[in-house]
Amino acid sequence: STEPRHLIVILDGSTSMLAVDGDTSRFDLARKQALNQLGGLHADDAATVLLLGNTLSTYSASDVGSMQALKDRISSI
């Protein structure tokens, strides 16, 4: 497809995501999956990440520079 895509990712930031499955928390697994999805986007694509917990945090990107900043932000949460 040559049409730009807009990926919307919803991350569960609730306390239950701190549970550990094996060596990794559920949140870390979800974050890794979100980063994999973001990594599949192209230069013209856009992304919005919603982090739901006690509060709602929204992060978005629509160009190459902001996409890298978004990936860095999600990696550091």
PDB file of N, CA and C in Angstrom:
ATOM      1  N   SER A   1       0.838  -1.185   0.000  1.00  0.00           N
ATOM      2  CA  SER A   1       0.000   0.000   0.000  1.00  0.00           C
ATOM      3  C   SER A   1       0.884   1.252   0.000  1.00  0.00           C
ATOM      4  N   THR A   2       0.506   2.218  -0.803  1.00  0.00           N
ATOM      5  CA  THR A   2       1.248   3.478  -0.835  1.00  0.00           C
ATOM      6  C   THR A   2       0.580   4.552   0.008  1.00  0.00           C
ATOM      7  N   GLU A   3      -0.587   4.260   0.524  1.00  0.00           N
ATOM      8  CA  GLU A   3      -1.288   5.214   1.382  1.00  0.00           C
ATOM      9  C   GLU A   3      -0.636   5.244   2.764  1.00  0.00           C
ATOM     10  N   PRO A   4      -0.452   6.433   3.336  1.00  0.00           N
ATOM     11  CA  PRO A   4       0.077   6.516   4.703  1.00  0.00           C
ATOM     12  C   PRO A   4      -0.882   5.835   5.689  1.00  0.00           C
ATOM     13  N   ARG A   5      -0.308   5.245   6.707  1.00  0.00           N
ATOM     14  CA  ARG A   5      -1.105   4.600   7.758  1.00  0.00           C
ATOM     15  C   ARG A   5      -1.022   5.424   9.032  1.00  0.00           C
ATOM     16  N   HIS A   6      -2.019   5.246   9.884  1.00  0.00           N
ATOM     17  CA  HIS A   6      -1.998   5.851  11.219  1.00  0.00           C
ATOM     18  C   HIS A   6      -2.196   4.714  12.210  1.00  0.00           C
ATOM     19  N   LEU A   7      -1.130   4.377  12.917  1.00  0.00           N
ATOM     20  CA  LEU A   7      -1.162   3.325  13.921  1.00  0.00           C
ATOM     21  C   LEU A   7      -1.570   3.931  15.254  1.00  0.00           C
ATOM     22  N   ILE A   8      -2.534   3.302  15.907  1.00  0.00           N
ATOM     23  CA  ILE A   8      -2.940   3.711  17.248  1.00  0.00           C
ATOM     24  C   ILE A   8      -2.645   2.549  18.188  1.00  0.00           C
ATOM     25  N   VAL A   9      -1.827   2.818  19.207  1.00  0.00           N
ATOM     26  CA  VAL A   9      -1.433   1.806  20.177  1.00  0.00           C
ATOM     27  C   VAL A   9      -1.991   2.211  21.532  1.00  0.00           C
ATOM     28  N   ILE A  10      -2.621   1.272  22.207  1.00  0.00           N
ATOM     29  CA  ILE A  10      -3.118   1.509  23.565  1.00  0.00           C
ATOM     30  C   ILE A  10      -2.320   0.629  24.506  1.00  0.00           C
ATOM     31  N   LEU A  11      -1.591   1.253  25.421  1.00  0.00           N
ATOM     32  CA  LEU A  11      -0.802   0.531  26.419  1.00  0.00           C
ATOM     33  C   LEU A  11      -1.512   0.600  27.768  1.00  0.00           C
ATOM     34  N   ASP A  12      -1.651  -0.536  28.392  1.00  0.00           N
ATOM     35  CA  ASP A  12      -2.251  -0.628  29.717  1.00  0.00           C
ATOM     36  C   ASP A  12      -1.167  -0.321  30.744  1.00  0.00           C
ATOM     37  N   GLY A  13      -1.287   0.798  31.413  1.00  0.00           N
ATOM     38  CA  GLY A  13      -0.315   1.193  32.417  1.00  0.00           C
ATOM     39  C   GLY A  13      -0.815   0.962  33.835  1.00  0.00           C
ATOM     40  N   SER A  14      -1.799   0.080  33.989  1.00  0.00           N
ATOM     41  CA  SER A  14      -2.355  -0.182  35.311  1.00  0.00           C
ATOM     42  C   SER A  14      -1.404  -1.036  36.149  1.00  0.00           C
ATOM     43  N   THR A  15      -1.656  -1.079  37.423  1.00  0.00           N
ATOM     44  CA  THR A  15      -0.815  -1.821  38.356  1.00  0.00           C
ATOM     45  C   THR A  15      -0.743  -3.299  38.012  1.00  0.00           C
ATOM     46  N   SER A  16      -1.798  -3.863  37.471  1.00  0.00           N
ATOM     47  CA  SER A  16      -1.796  -5.292  37.144  1.00  0.00           C
ATOM     48  C   SER A  16      -0.754  -5.642  36.090  1.00  0.00           C
ATOM     49  N   MET A  17      -0.320  -4.658  35.305  1.00  0.00           N
ATOM     50  CA  MET A  17       0.684  -4.912  34.278  1.00  0.00           C
ATOM     51  C   MET A  17       2.087  -5.067  34.876  1.00  0.00           C
ATOM     52  N   LEU A  18       2.230  -4.841  36.191  1.00  0.00           N
ATOM     53  CA  LEU A  18       3.511  -5.065  36.853  1.00  0.00           C
ATOM     54  C   LEU A  18       3.736  -6.538  37.160  1.00  0.00           C
ATOM     55  N   ALA A  19       2.704  -7.364  36.988  1.00  0.00           N
ATOM     56  CA  ALA A  19       2.844  -8.805  37.207  1.00  0.00           C
ATOM     57  C   ALA A  19       3.917  -9.343  36.270  1.00  0.00           C
ATOM     58  N   VAL A  20       4.653 -10.321  36.764  1.00  0.00           N
ATOM     59  CA  VAL A  20       5.770 -10.878  36.006  1.00  0.00           C
ATOM     60  C   VAL A  20       5.382 -12.242  35.457  1.00  0.00           C
ATOM     61  N   ASP A  21       5.587 -12.411  34.159  1.00  0.00           N
ATOM     62  CA  ASP A  21       5.414 -13.694  33.490  1.00  0.00           C
ATOM     63  C   ASP A  21       6.810 -14.146  33.073  1.00  0.00           C
ATOM     64  N   GLY A  22       7.361 -15.125  33.758  1.00  0.00           N
ATOM     65  CA  GLY A  22       8.743 -15.521  33.488  1.00  0.00           C
ATOM     66  C   GLY A  22       9.678 -14.513  34.113  1.00  0.00           C
ATOM     67  N   ASP A  23      10.516 -13.880  33.285  1.00  0.00           N
ATOM     68  CA  ASP A  23      11.481 -12.888  33.786  1.00  0.00           C
ATOM     69  C   ASP A  23      11.031 -11.464  33.533  1.00  0.00           C
ATOM     70  N   THR A  24       9.944 -11.292  32.797  1.00  0.00           N
ATOM     71  CA  THR A  24       9.576  -9.975  32.294  1.00  0.00           C
ATOM     72  C   THR A  24       8.175  -9.596  32.746  1.00  0.00           C
ATOM     73  N   SER A  25       8.008  -8.312  33.079  1.00  0.00           N
ATOM     74  CA  SER A  25       6.671  -7.857  33.463  1.00  0.00           C
ATOM     75  C   SER A  25       5.764  -7.810  32.236  1.00  0.00           C
ATOM     76  N   ARG A  26       4.494  -7.874  32.487  1.00  0.00           N
ATOM     77  CA  ARG A  26       3.526  -7.791  31.391  1.00  0.00           C
ATOM     78  C   ARG A  26       3.643  -6.455  30.672  1.00  0.00           C
ATOM     79  N   PHE A  27       3.944  -5.397  31.413  1.00  0.00           N
ATOM     80  CA  PHE A  27       4.099  -4.092  30.777  1.00  0.00           C
ATOM     81  C   PHE A  27       5.297  -4.079  29.849  1.00  0.00           C
ATOM     82  N   ASP A  28       6.403  -4.673  30.278  1.00  0.00           N
ATOM     83  CA  ASP A  28       7.586  -4.731  29.408  1.00  0.00           C
ATOM     84  C   ASP A  28       7.291  -5.501  28.130  1.00  0.00           C
ATOM     85  N   LEU A  29       6.529  -6.579  28.236  1.00  0.00           N
ATOM     86  CA  LEU A  29       6.147  -7.337  27.040  1.00  0.00           C
ATOM     87  C   LEU A  29       5.274  -6.496  26.116  1.00  0.00           C
ATOM     88  N   ALA A  30       4.321  -5.767  26.698  1.00  0.00           N
ATOM     89  CA  ALA A  30       3.438  -4.911  25.897  1.00  0.00           C
ATOM     90  C   ALA A  30       4.222  -3.772  25.253  1.00  0.00           C
ATOM     91  N   ARG A  31       5.139  -3.199  25.994  1.00  0.00           N
ATOM     92  CA  ARG A  31       5.970  -2.117  25.453  1.00  0.00           C
ATOM     93  C   ARG A  31       6.813  -2.620  24.290  1.00  0.00           C
ATOM     94  N   LYS A  32       7.384  -3.802  24.424  1.00  0.00           N
ATOM     95  CA  LYS A  32       8.191  -4.381  23.349  1.00  0.00           C
ATOM     96  C   LYS A  32       7.340  -4.600  22.096  1.00  0.00           C
ATOM     97  N   GLN A  33       6.128  -5.097  22.280  1.00  0.00           N
ATOM     98  CA  GLN A  33       5.236  -5.308  21.141  1.00  0.00           C
ATOM     99  C   GLN A  33       4.866  -3.975  20.493  1.00  0.00           C
ATOM    100  N   ALA A  34       4.629  -2.949  21.291  1.00  0.00           N
ATOM    101  CA  ALA A  34       4.318  -1.622  20.749  1.00  0.00           C
ATOM    102  C   ALA A  34       5.488  -1.081  19.943  1.00  0.00           C
ATOM    103  N   LEU A  35       6.705  -1.237  20.461  1.00  0.00           N
ATOM    104  CA  LEU A  35       7.884  -0.767  19.742  1.00  0.00           C
ATOM    105  C   LEU A  35       8.082  -1.527  18.434  1.00  0.00           C
ATOM    106  N   ASN A  36       7.766  -2.815  18.429  1.00  0.00           N
ATOM    107  CA  ASN A  36       7.845  -3.587  17.186  1.00  0.00           C
ATOM    108  C   ASN A  36       6.854  -3.054  16.160  1.00  0.00           C
ATOM    109  N   GLN A  37       5.648  -2.721  16.605  1.00  0.00           N
ATOM    110  CA  GLN A  37       4.642  -2.158  15.703  1.00  0.00           C
ATOM    111  C   GLN A  37       5.100  -0.805  15.162  1.00  0.00           C
ATOM    112  N   LEU A  38       5.652   0.024  16.021  1.00  0.00           N
ATOM    113  CA  LEU A  38       6.144   1.334  15.592  1.00  0.00           C
ATOM    114  C   LEU A  38       7.306   1.190  14.615  1.00  0.00           C
ATOM    115  N   GLY A  39       8.130   0.178  14.820  1.00  0.00           N
ATOM    116  CA  GLY A  39       9.267  -0.047  13.950  1.00  0.00           C
ATOM    117  C   GLY A  39       8.873  -0.432  12.535  1.00  0.00           C
ATOM    118  N   GLY A  40       7.646  -0.913  12.355  1.00  0.00           N
ATOM    119  CA  GLY A  40       7.173  -1.308  11.035  1.00  0.00           C
ATOM    120  C   GLY A  40       6.586  -0.175  10.220  1.00  0.00           C
ATOM    121  N   LEU A  41       6.560   1.026  10.784  1.00  0.00           N
ATOM    122  CA  LEU A  41       5.982   2.160  10.065  1.00  0.00           C
ATOM    123  C   LEU A  41       6.987   2.756   9.084  1.00  0.00           C
ATOM    124  N   HIS A  42       6.471   3.443   8.080  1.00  0.00           N
ATOM    125  CA  HIS A  42       7.286   4.099   7.065  1.00  0.00           C
ATOM    126  C   HIS A  42       7.316   5.607   7.306  1.00  0.00           C
ATOM    127  N   ALA A  43       8.111   6.311   6.535  1.00  0.00           N
ATOM    128  CA  ALA A  43       8.343   7.743   6.745  1.00  0.00           C
ATOM    129  C   ALA A  43       7.061   8.570   6.691  1.00  0.00           C
ATOM    130  N   ASP A  44       6.087   8.194   5.874  1.00  0.00           N
ATOM    131  CA  ASP A  44       4.856   8.981   5.750  1.00  0.00           C
ATOM    132  C   ASP A  44       3.764   8.569   6.721  1.00  0.00           C
ATOM    133  N   ASP A  45       4.019   7.551   7.527  1.00  0.00           N
ATOM    134  CA  ASP A  45       3.012   7.056   8.460  1.00  0.00           C
ATOM    135  C   ASP A  45       2.975   7.915   9.725  1.00  0.00           C
ATOM    136  N   ALA A  46       1.905   7.762  10.472  1.00  0.00           N
ATOM    137  CA  ALA A  46       1.743   8.475  11.743  1.00  0.00           C
ATOM    138  C   ALA A  46       1.423   7.457  12.836  1.00  0.00           C
ATOM    139  N   ALA A  47       1.650   7.848  14.067  1.00  0.00           N
ATOM    140  CA  ALA A  47       1.363   6.960  15.193  1.00  0.00           C
ATOM    141  C   ALA A  47       0.874   7.776  16.378  1.00  0.00           C
ATOM    142  N   THR A  48      -0.022   7.173  17.132  1.00  0.00           N
ATOM    143  CA  THR A  48      -0.492   7.731  18.388  1.00  0.00           C
ATOM    144  C   THR A  48      -0.436   6.617  19.421  1.00  0.00           C
ATOM    145  N   VAL A  49       0.174   6.900  20.567  1.00  0.00           N
ATOM    146  CA  VAL A  49       0.243   5.936  21.659  1.00  0.00           C
ATOM    147  C   VAL A  49      -0.532   6.517  22.838  1.00  0.00           C
ATOM    148  N   LEU A  50      -1.489   5.736  23.326  1.00  0.00           N
ATOM    149  CA  LEU A  50      -2.263   6.106  24.505  1.00  0.00           C
ATOM    150  C   LEU A  50      -1.799   5.227  25.657  1.00  0.00           C
ATOM    151  N   LEU A  51      -1.341   5.833  26.717  1.00  0.00           N
ATOM    152  CA  LEU A  51      -0.937   5.101  27.914  1.00  0.00           C
ATOM    153  C   LEU A  51      -2.020   5.310  28.964  1.00  0.00           C
ATOM    154  N   LEU A  52      -2.729   4.225  29.270  1.00  0.00           N
ATOM    155  CA  LEU A  52      -3.852   4.294  30.199  1.00  0.00           C
ATOM    156  C   LEU A  52      -3.452   3.714  31.540  1.00  0.00           C
ATOM    157  N   GLY A  53      -3.622   4.485  32.583  1.00  0.00           N
ATOM    158  CA  GLY A  53      -3.343   4.048  33.942  1.00  0.00           C
ATOM    159  C   GLY A  53      -4.221   4.881  34.855  1.00  0.00           C
ATOM    160  N   ASN A  54      -3.633   5.459  35.895  1.00  0.00           N
ATOM    161  CA  ASN A  54      -4.382   6.393  36.743  1.00  0.00           C
ATOM    162  C   ASN A  54      -4.761   7.637  35.965  1.00  0.00           C
ATOM    163  N   THR A  55      -3.945   7.969  34.985  1.00  0.00           N
ATOM    164  CA  THR A  55      -4.207   9.098  34.102  1.00  0.00           C
ATOM    165  C   THR A  55      -4.004   8.644  32.662  1.00  0.00           C
ATOM    166  N   LEU A  56      -4.412   9.459  31.735  1.00  0.00           N
ATOM    167  CA  LEU A  56      -4.224   9.188  30.316  1.00  0.00           C
ATOM    168  C   LEU A  56      -3.085  10.054  29.812  1.00  0.00           C
ATOM    169  N   SER A  57      -2.100   9.410  29.190  1.00  0.00           N
ATOM    170  CA  SER A  57      -1.015  10.134  28.534  1.00  0.00           C
ATOM    171  C   SER A  57      -1.083   9.806  27.059  1.00  0.00           C
ATOM    172  N   THR A  58      -0.929  10.820  26.224  1.00  0.00           N
ATOM    173  CA  THR A  58      -0.993  10.641  24.779  1.00  0.00           C
ATOM    174  C   THR A  58       0.310  11.119  24.162  1.00  0.00           C
ATOM    175  N   TYR A  59       0.868  10.289  23.280  1.00  0.00           N
ATOM    176  CA  TYR A  59       2.100  10.609  22.566  1.00  0.00           C
ATOM    177  C   TYR A  59       1.833  10.383  21.087  1.00  0.00           C
ATOM    178  N   SER A  60       2.333  11.262  20.238  1.00  0.00           N
ATOM    179  CA  SER A  60       2.067  11.093  18.814  1.00  0.00           C
ATOM    180  C   SER A  60       3.290  11.475  17.991  1.00  0.00           C
ATOM    181  N   ALA A  61       3.293  10.975  16.747  1.00  0.00           N
ATOM    182  CA  ALA A  61       4.385  11.250  15.822  1.00  0.00           C
ATOM    183  C   ALA A  61       3.845  11.201  14.404  1.00  0.00           C
ATOM    184  N   SER A  62       4.377  12.082  13.548  1.00  0.00           N
ATOM    185  CA  SER A  62       3.917  12.100  12.160  1.00  0.00           C
ATOM    186  C   SER A  62       5.050  12.338  11.162  1.00  0.00           C
ATOM    187  N   ASP A  63       6.287  12.324  11.639  1.00  0.00           N
ATOM    188  CA  ASP A  63       7.433  12.435  10.735  1.00  0.00           C
ATOM    189  C   ASP A  63       8.585  11.622  11.317  1.00  0.00           C
ATOM    190  N   VAL A  64       9.653  11.501  10.568  1.00  0.00           N
ATOM    191  CA  VAL A  64      10.757  10.630  10.965  1.00  0.00           C
ATOM    192  C   VAL A  64      11.350  11.043  12.310  1.00  0.00           C
ATOM    193  N   GLY A  65      11.588  12.325  12.514  1.00  0.00           N
ATOM    194  CA  GLY A  65      12.180  12.805  13.764  1.00  0.00           C
ATOM    195  C   GLY A  65      11.287  12.566  14.965  1.00  0.00           C
ATOM    196  N   SER A  66      10.014  12.891  14.827  1.00  0.00           N
ATOM    197  CA  SER A  66       9.109  12.702  15.955  1.00  0.00           C
ATOM    198  C   SER A  66       8.829  11.224  16.202  1.00  0.00           C
ATOM    199  N   MET A  67       8.932  10.383  15.145  1.00  0.00           N
ATOM    200  CA  MET A  67       8.739   8.946  15.328  1.00  0.00           C
ATOM    201  C   MET A  67       9.862   8.370  16.186  1.00  0.00           C
ATOM    202  N   GLN A  68      11.098   8.818  15.939  1.00  0.00           N
ATOM    203  CA  GLN A  68      12.205   8.343  16.767  1.00  0.00           C
ATOM    204  C   GLN A  68      12.052   8.831  18.203  1.00  0.00           C
ATOM    205  N   ALA A  69      11.611  10.062  18.380  1.00  0.00           N
ATOM    206  CA  ALA A  69      11.381  10.595  19.726  1.00  0.00           C
ATOM    207  C   ALA A  69      10.283   9.796  20.431  1.00  0.00           C
ATOM    208  N   LEU A  70       9.255   9.400  19.693  1.00  0.00           N
ATOM    209  CA  LEU A  70       8.170   8.595  20.267  1.00  0.00           C
ATOM    210  C   LEU A  70       8.705   7.234  20.705  1.00  0.00           C
ATOM    211  N   LYS A  71       9.500   6.594  19.871  1.00  0.00           N
ATOM    212  CA  LYS A  71      10.078   5.294  20.230  1.00  0.00           C
ATOM    213  C   LYS A  71      10.962   5.422  21.471  1.00  0.00           C
ATOM    214  N   ASP A  72      11.753   6.481  21.528  1.00  0.00           N
ATOM    215  CA  ASP A  72      12.607   6.704  22.692  1.00  0.00           C
ATOM    216  C   ASP A  72      11.772   6.913  23.949  1.00  0.00           C
ATOM    217  N   ARG A  73      10.692   7.646  23.811  1.00  0.00           N
ATOM    218  CA  ARG A  73       9.809   7.917  24.966  1.00  0.00           C
ATOM    219  C   ARG A  73       9.165   6.635  25.471  1.00  0.00           C
ATOM    220  N   ILE A  74       8.659   5.823  24.545  1.00  0.00           N
ATOM    221  CA  ILE A  74       8.025   4.564  24.940  1.00  0.00           C
ATOM    222  C   ILE A  74       9.056   3.633  25.566  1.00  0.00           C
ATOM    223  N   SER A  75      10.263   3.628  25.043  1.00  0.00           N
ATOM    224  CA  SER A  75      11.328   2.783  25.618  1.00  0.00           C
ATOM    225  C   SER A  75      11.655   3.170  27.049  1.00  0.00           C
ATOM    226  N   SER A  76      11.522   4.453  27.361  1.00  0.00           N
ATOM    227  CA  SER A  76      11.932   4.927  28.694  1.00  0.00           C
ATOM    228  C   SER A  76      10.811   4.925  29.731  1.00  0.00           C
ATOM    229  N   ILE A  77       9.595   4.639  29.309  1.00  0.00           N
ATOM    230  CA  ILE A  77       8.466   4.637  30.273  1.00  0.00           C
ATOM    231  C   ILE A  77       8.662   3.488  31.251  1.00  0.00           C
TER     232      ILE A  77
END
